[in-house]
N, C-alpha and C. Protein backbone atom coordinates (compact mmCIF):
# COMPACT_ATOMS: atom_id res chain seq x y z
N UNK A 1 -51.09 -0.39 4.25
CA UNK A 1 -50.21 -1.42 3.72
C UNK A 1 -49.92 -1.11 2.26
N UNK A 2 -48.71 -1.35 1.87
CA UNK A 2 -48.28 -1.18 0.49
C UNK A 2 -49.05 -2.15 -0.41
N UNK A 3 -49.58 -1.70 -1.56
CA UNK A 3 -50.34 -2.60 -2.43
C UNK A 3 -49.53 -3.80 -2.92
N UNK A 4 -48.25 -3.62 -3.15
CA UNK A 4 -47.42 -4.72 -3.62
C UNK A 4 -47.28 -5.78 -2.53
N UNK A 5 -47.10 -5.34 -1.29
CA UNK A 5 -47.01 -6.30 -0.18
C UNK A 5 -48.33 -7.04 0.01
N UNK A 6 -49.43 -6.31 -0.11
CA UNK A 6 -50.73 -6.94 0.03
C UNK A 6 -50.99 -7.97 -1.04
N UNK A 7 -50.67 -7.64 -2.29
CA UNK A 7 -50.85 -8.60 -3.37
C UNK A 7 -49.92 -9.80 -3.22
N UNK A 8 -48.70 -9.56 -2.78
CA UNK A 8 -47.76 -10.67 -2.60
C UNK A 8 -48.22 -11.62 -1.50
N UNK A 9 -48.67 -11.07 -0.39
CA UNK A 9 -49.18 -11.91 0.69
C UNK A 9 -50.44 -12.65 0.26
N UNK A 10 -51.29 -11.99 -0.51
CA UNK A 10 -52.50 -12.64 -1.01
C UNK A 10 -52.18 -13.79 -1.94
N UNK A 11 -51.20 -13.60 -2.81
CA UNK A 11 -50.79 -14.66 -3.73
C UNK A 11 -50.23 -15.84 -2.96
N UNK A 12 -49.37 -15.57 -2.00
CA UNK A 12 -48.77 -16.65 -1.22
C UNK A 12 -49.84 -17.41 -0.44
N UNK A 13 -50.79 -16.68 0.15
CA UNK A 13 -51.85 -17.33 0.91
C UNK A 13 -52.71 -18.22 0.01
N UNK A 14 -53.13 -17.70 -1.13
CA UNK A 14 -53.97 -18.47 -2.05
C UNK A 14 -53.23 -19.71 -2.55
N UNK A 15 -51.99 -19.54 -2.94
CA UNK A 15 -51.23 -20.66 -3.52
C UNK A 15 -50.99 -21.76 -2.49
N UNK A 16 -50.51 -21.40 -1.31
CA UNK A 16 -50.21 -22.41 -0.30
C UNK A 16 -51.47 -23.09 0.23
N UNK A 17 -52.54 -22.32 0.41
CA UNK A 17 -53.79 -22.91 0.89
C UNK A 17 -54.39 -23.85 -0.15
N UNK A 18 -54.44 -23.42 -1.40
CA UNK A 18 -55.00 -24.27 -2.44
C UNK A 18 -54.16 -25.52 -2.66
N UNK A 19 -52.85 -25.40 -2.56
CA UNK A 19 -51.98 -26.57 -2.70
C UNK A 19 -52.25 -27.57 -1.58
N UNK A 20 -52.45 -27.08 -0.37
CA UNK A 20 -52.74 -27.97 0.75
C UNK A 20 -54.09 -28.66 0.59
N UNK A 21 -55.10 -27.91 0.13
CA UNK A 21 -56.43 -28.49 -0.09
C UNK A 21 -56.36 -29.56 -1.18
N UNK A 22 -55.66 -29.26 -2.26
CA UNK A 22 -55.54 -30.24 -3.35
C UNK A 22 -54.78 -31.47 -2.88
N UNK A 23 -53.72 -31.29 -2.11
CA UNK A 23 -52.96 -32.43 -1.61
C UNK A 23 -53.83 -33.33 -0.75
N UNK A 24 -54.56 -32.76 0.19
CA UNK A 24 -55.41 -33.57 1.06
C UNK A 24 -56.50 -34.28 0.26
N UNK A 25 -57.04 -33.60 -0.74
CA UNK A 25 -58.12 -34.17 -1.51
C UNK A 25 -57.64 -35.24 -2.49
N UNK A 26 -56.52 -35.00 -3.14
CA UNK A 26 -56.05 -35.94 -4.16
C UNK A 26 -55.44 -37.20 -3.56
N UNK A 27 -54.99 -37.12 -2.32
CA UNK A 27 -54.49 -38.34 -1.67
C UNK A 27 -55.61 -39.35 -1.47
N UNK A 28 -56.81 -38.86 -1.26
CA UNK A 28 -57.94 -39.75 -1.04
C UNK A 28 -58.89 -39.75 -2.23
N UNK A 29 -58.37 -39.61 -3.43
CA UNK A 29 -59.22 -39.50 -4.62
C UNK A 29 -59.46 -40.83 -5.30
N UNK A 30 -59.35 -41.91 -4.58
CA UNK A 30 -59.59 -43.21 -5.20
C UNK A 30 -61.07 -43.41 -5.51
N UNK A 31 -61.94 -42.81 -4.71
CA UNK A 31 -63.37 -42.85 -5.00
C UNK A 31 -63.90 -41.44 -5.00
N UNK A 32 -64.89 -41.20 -5.83
CA UNK A 32 -65.49 -39.88 -5.92
C UNK A 32 -66.92 -39.97 -5.43
N UNK A 33 -67.34 -39.04 -4.60
CA UNK A 33 -68.66 -39.12 -4.01
C UNK A 33 -69.77 -38.68 -4.96
N UNK A 34 -69.45 -37.87 -5.93
CA UNK A 34 -70.45 -37.43 -6.89
C UNK A 34 -70.45 -38.44 -8.04
N UNK A 35 -71.50 -39.22 -8.14
CA UNK A 35 -71.48 -40.35 -9.07
C UNK A 35 -71.78 -39.97 -10.51
N UNK A 36 -72.22 -38.75 -10.76
CA UNK A 36 -72.51 -38.39 -12.15
C UNK A 36 -71.24 -38.07 -12.92
N UNK A 37 -70.13 -37.91 -12.24
CA UNK A 37 -68.85 -37.70 -12.88
C UNK A 37 -67.97 -38.91 -12.62
N UNK A 38 -67.19 -39.28 -13.59
CA UNK A 38 -66.26 -40.38 -13.40
C UNK A 38 -64.85 -39.83 -13.29
N UNK A 39 -64.01 -40.56 -12.60
CA UNK A 39 -62.62 -40.16 -12.46
C UNK A 39 -61.88 -40.43 -13.75
N UNK A 40 -61.02 -39.52 -14.15
CA UNK A 40 -60.21 -39.72 -15.34
C UNK A 40 -59.20 -40.83 -15.08
N UNK A 41 -58.54 -40.75 -13.95
CA UNK A 41 -57.51 -41.73 -13.60
C UNK A 41 -57.56 -41.90 -12.09
N UNK A 42 -57.83 -43.11 -11.64
CA UNK A 42 -57.96 -43.31 -10.21
C UNK A 42 -56.62 -43.25 -9.48
N UNK A 43 -55.53 -43.35 -10.20
CA UNK A 43 -54.20 -43.25 -9.59
C UNK A 43 -53.71 -41.81 -9.71
N UNK A 44 -53.92 -41.05 -8.68
CA UNK A 44 -53.53 -39.65 -8.71
C UNK A 44 -52.02 -39.51 -8.66
N UNK A 45 -51.49 -38.58 -9.42
CA UNK A 45 -50.04 -38.33 -9.42
C UNK A 45 -49.63 -37.37 -8.31
N UNK A 46 -50.58 -36.72 -7.68
CA UNK A 46 -50.27 -35.73 -6.65
C UNK A 46 -50.19 -36.45 -5.31
N UNK A 47 -48.96 -36.79 -4.89
CA UNK A 47 -48.76 -37.48 -3.63
C UNK A 47 -47.96 -36.64 -2.63
N UNK A 48 -47.20 -35.69 -3.11
CA UNK A 48 -46.36 -34.86 -2.25
C UNK A 48 -46.84 -33.42 -2.28
N UNK A 49 -46.48 -32.67 -1.23
CA UNK A 49 -46.87 -31.27 -1.19
C UNK A 49 -46.20 -30.48 -2.31
N UNK A 50 -44.99 -30.86 -2.69
CA UNK A 50 -44.32 -30.15 -3.78
C UNK A 50 -45.04 -30.36 -5.10
N UNK A 51 -45.62 -31.55 -5.31
CA UNK A 51 -46.41 -31.79 -6.51
C UNK A 51 -47.67 -30.93 -6.52
N UNK A 52 -48.32 -30.84 -5.37
CA UNK A 52 -49.52 -30.01 -5.27
C UNK A 52 -49.18 -28.54 -5.43
N UNK A 53 -48.04 -28.13 -4.89
CA UNK A 53 -47.60 -26.74 -5.04
C UNK A 53 -47.28 -26.43 -6.50
N UNK A 54 -46.64 -27.37 -7.19
CA UNK A 54 -46.35 -27.19 -8.62
C UNK A 54 -47.65 -27.08 -9.42
N UNK A 55 -48.61 -27.94 -9.14
CA UNK A 55 -49.90 -27.90 -9.83
C UNK A 55 -50.60 -26.57 -9.58
N UNK A 56 -50.56 -26.09 -8.35
CA UNK A 56 -51.22 -24.84 -8.02
C UNK A 56 -50.53 -23.64 -8.67
N UNK A 57 -49.20 -23.61 -8.66
CA UNK A 57 -48.49 -22.50 -9.30
C UNK A 57 -48.70 -22.48 -10.81
N UNK A 58 -48.68 -23.65 -11.43
CA UNK A 58 -48.89 -23.72 -12.87
C UNK A 58 -50.31 -23.28 -13.23
N UNK A 59 -51.27 -23.65 -12.39
CA UNK A 59 -52.65 -23.22 -12.63
C UNK A 59 -52.82 -21.74 -12.33
N UNK A 60 -52.18 -21.26 -11.27
CA UNK A 60 -52.30 -19.85 -10.90
C UNK A 60 -51.72 -18.95 -11.98
N UNK A 61 -50.63 -19.36 -12.57
CA UNK A 61 -50.00 -18.58 -13.64
C UNK A 61 -50.60 -18.88 -15.01
N UNK A 62 -51.63 -19.70 -15.05
CA UNK A 62 -52.37 -20.10 -16.24
C UNK A 62 -51.47 -20.67 -17.33
N UNK A 63 -50.44 -21.42 -16.94
CA UNK A 63 -49.56 -22.07 -17.90
C UNK A 63 -50.16 -23.40 -18.30
N UNK A 64 -50.46 -24.25 -17.32
CA UNK A 64 -51.11 -25.52 -17.56
C UNK A 64 -50.29 -26.51 -18.36
N UNK A 65 -49.20 -27.01 -17.80
CA UNK A 65 -48.35 -27.96 -18.51
C UNK A 65 -49.04 -29.30 -18.74
N UNK A 66 -49.83 -29.76 -17.80
CA UNK A 66 -50.53 -31.02 -17.94
C UNK A 66 -49.81 -32.21 -17.35
N UNK A 67 -48.65 -32.00 -16.72
CA UNK A 67 -47.96 -33.12 -16.11
C UNK A 67 -48.63 -33.58 -14.82
N UNK A 68 -49.23 -32.66 -14.09
CA UNK A 68 -50.04 -32.97 -12.93
C UNK A 68 -51.42 -32.39 -13.16
N UNK A 69 -52.44 -33.13 -12.77
CA UNK A 69 -53.81 -32.65 -12.93
C UNK A 69 -54.66 -33.27 -11.82
N UNK A 70 -55.71 -32.56 -11.41
CA UNK A 70 -56.57 -33.11 -10.37
C UNK A 70 -57.48 -34.19 -10.92
N UNK A 71 -57.72 -35.22 -10.13
CA UNK A 71 -58.58 -36.32 -10.53
C UNK A 71 -59.97 -36.25 -9.92
N UNK A 72 -60.11 -35.56 -8.82
CA UNK A 72 -61.40 -35.49 -8.14
C UNK A 72 -62.12 -34.21 -8.51
N UNK A 73 -63.40 -34.20 -8.24
CA UNK A 73 -64.20 -33.02 -8.56
C UNK A 73 -63.79 -31.81 -7.72
N UNK A 74 -63.56 -32.03 -6.43
CA UNK A 74 -63.14 -30.91 -5.58
C UNK A 74 -61.80 -30.36 -6.04
N UNK A 75 -60.89 -31.24 -6.44
CA UNK A 75 -59.61 -30.78 -6.96
C UNK A 75 -59.76 -29.95 -8.22
N UNK A 76 -60.67 -30.35 -9.09
CA UNK A 76 -60.93 -29.58 -10.31
C UNK A 76 -61.51 -28.22 -9.98
N UNK A 77 -62.44 -28.18 -9.02
CA UNK A 77 -63.05 -26.90 -8.64
C UNK A 77 -62.02 -25.97 -7.99
N UNK A 78 -61.16 -26.53 -7.18
CA UNK A 78 -60.11 -25.71 -6.54
C UNK A 78 -59.17 -25.15 -7.61
N UNK A 79 -58.85 -25.94 -8.62
CA UNK A 79 -57.97 -25.45 -9.70
C UNK A 79 -58.66 -24.39 -10.55
N UNK A 80 -59.98 -24.49 -10.72
CA UNK A 80 -60.72 -23.44 -11.43
C UNK A 80 -60.64 -22.14 -10.64
N UNK A 81 -60.86 -22.22 -9.34
CA UNK A 81 -60.77 -21.03 -8.49
C UNK A 81 -59.35 -20.47 -8.51
N UNK A 82 -58.36 -21.35 -8.50
CA UNK A 82 -56.96 -20.91 -8.54
C UNK A 82 -56.65 -20.20 -9.85
N UNK A 83 -57.12 -20.73 -10.96
CA UNK A 83 -56.86 -20.10 -12.26
C UNK A 83 -57.54 -18.74 -12.36
N UNK A 84 -58.78 -18.65 -11.92
CA UNK A 84 -59.49 -17.37 -11.98
C UNK A 84 -58.84 -16.35 -11.06
N UNK A 85 -58.43 -16.78 -9.86
CA UNK A 85 -57.77 -15.83 -8.96
C UNK A 85 -56.41 -15.41 -9.52
N UNK A 86 -55.72 -16.29 -10.22
CA UNK A 86 -54.46 -15.89 -10.88
C UNK A 86 -54.68 -14.85 -11.95
N UNK A 87 -55.76 -14.99 -12.70
CA UNK A 87 -56.07 -13.99 -13.72
C UNK A 87 -56.43 -12.65 -13.07
N UNK A 88 -57.18 -12.69 -11.98
CA UNK A 88 -57.54 -11.44 -11.28
C UNK A 88 -56.31 -10.76 -10.68
N UNK A 89 -55.43 -11.53 -10.08
CA UNK A 89 -54.22 -10.94 -9.53
C UNK A 89 -53.34 -10.35 -10.63
N UNK A 90 -53.28 -11.01 -11.76
CA UNK A 90 -52.51 -10.45 -12.88
C UNK A 90 -53.11 -9.13 -13.33
N UNK A 91 -54.43 -9.06 -13.37
CA UNK A 91 -55.10 -7.81 -13.75
C UNK A 91 -54.82 -6.71 -12.72
N UNK A 92 -54.82 -7.06 -11.43
CA UNK A 92 -54.51 -6.08 -10.40
C UNK A 92 -53.09 -5.54 -10.54
N UNK A 93 -52.15 -6.44 -10.78
CA UNK A 93 -50.75 -6.03 -10.92
C UNK A 93 -50.58 -5.13 -12.14
N UNK A 94 -51.19 -5.48 -13.24
CA UNK A 94 -51.10 -4.66 -14.44
C UNK A 94 -51.74 -3.29 -14.19
N UNK A 95 -52.85 -3.28 -13.47
CA UNK A 95 -53.49 -2.00 -13.15
C UNK A 95 -52.64 -1.13 -12.23
N UNK A 96 -51.96 -1.72 -11.27
CA UNK A 96 -51.09 -0.95 -10.37
C UNK A 96 -49.88 -0.42 -11.13
N UNK A 97 -49.29 -1.26 -11.96
CA UNK A 97 -48.11 -0.82 -12.72
C UNK A 97 -48.49 0.27 -13.71
N UNK A 98 -49.65 0.15 -14.32
CA UNK A 98 -50.06 1.12 -15.33
C UNK A 98 -50.41 2.47 -14.70
N UNK A 99 -50.94 2.45 -13.48
CA UNK A 99 -51.39 3.70 -12.84
C UNK A 99 -50.27 4.55 -12.34
């Protein structure tokens, strides 16, 4: 498989999967099961899949506008994984282009 195709499919898979996980989690983020952390805002702004996709793409590209943010702990952890995977994919692309 071509490395560019593999990286593109990997990016699409990570972004769409993480957006779906965040959407499912943030819809039910009115209560948090881990009591040592408190919710920043119990009214989550992520109600649509497009909002979750926007949040995931902004986190993946490490832009971080701040208009949408996760309120639950699982949503925060998923966004951390998304940001780190975006940095790794950027490093892979730079390495392929440079080589």
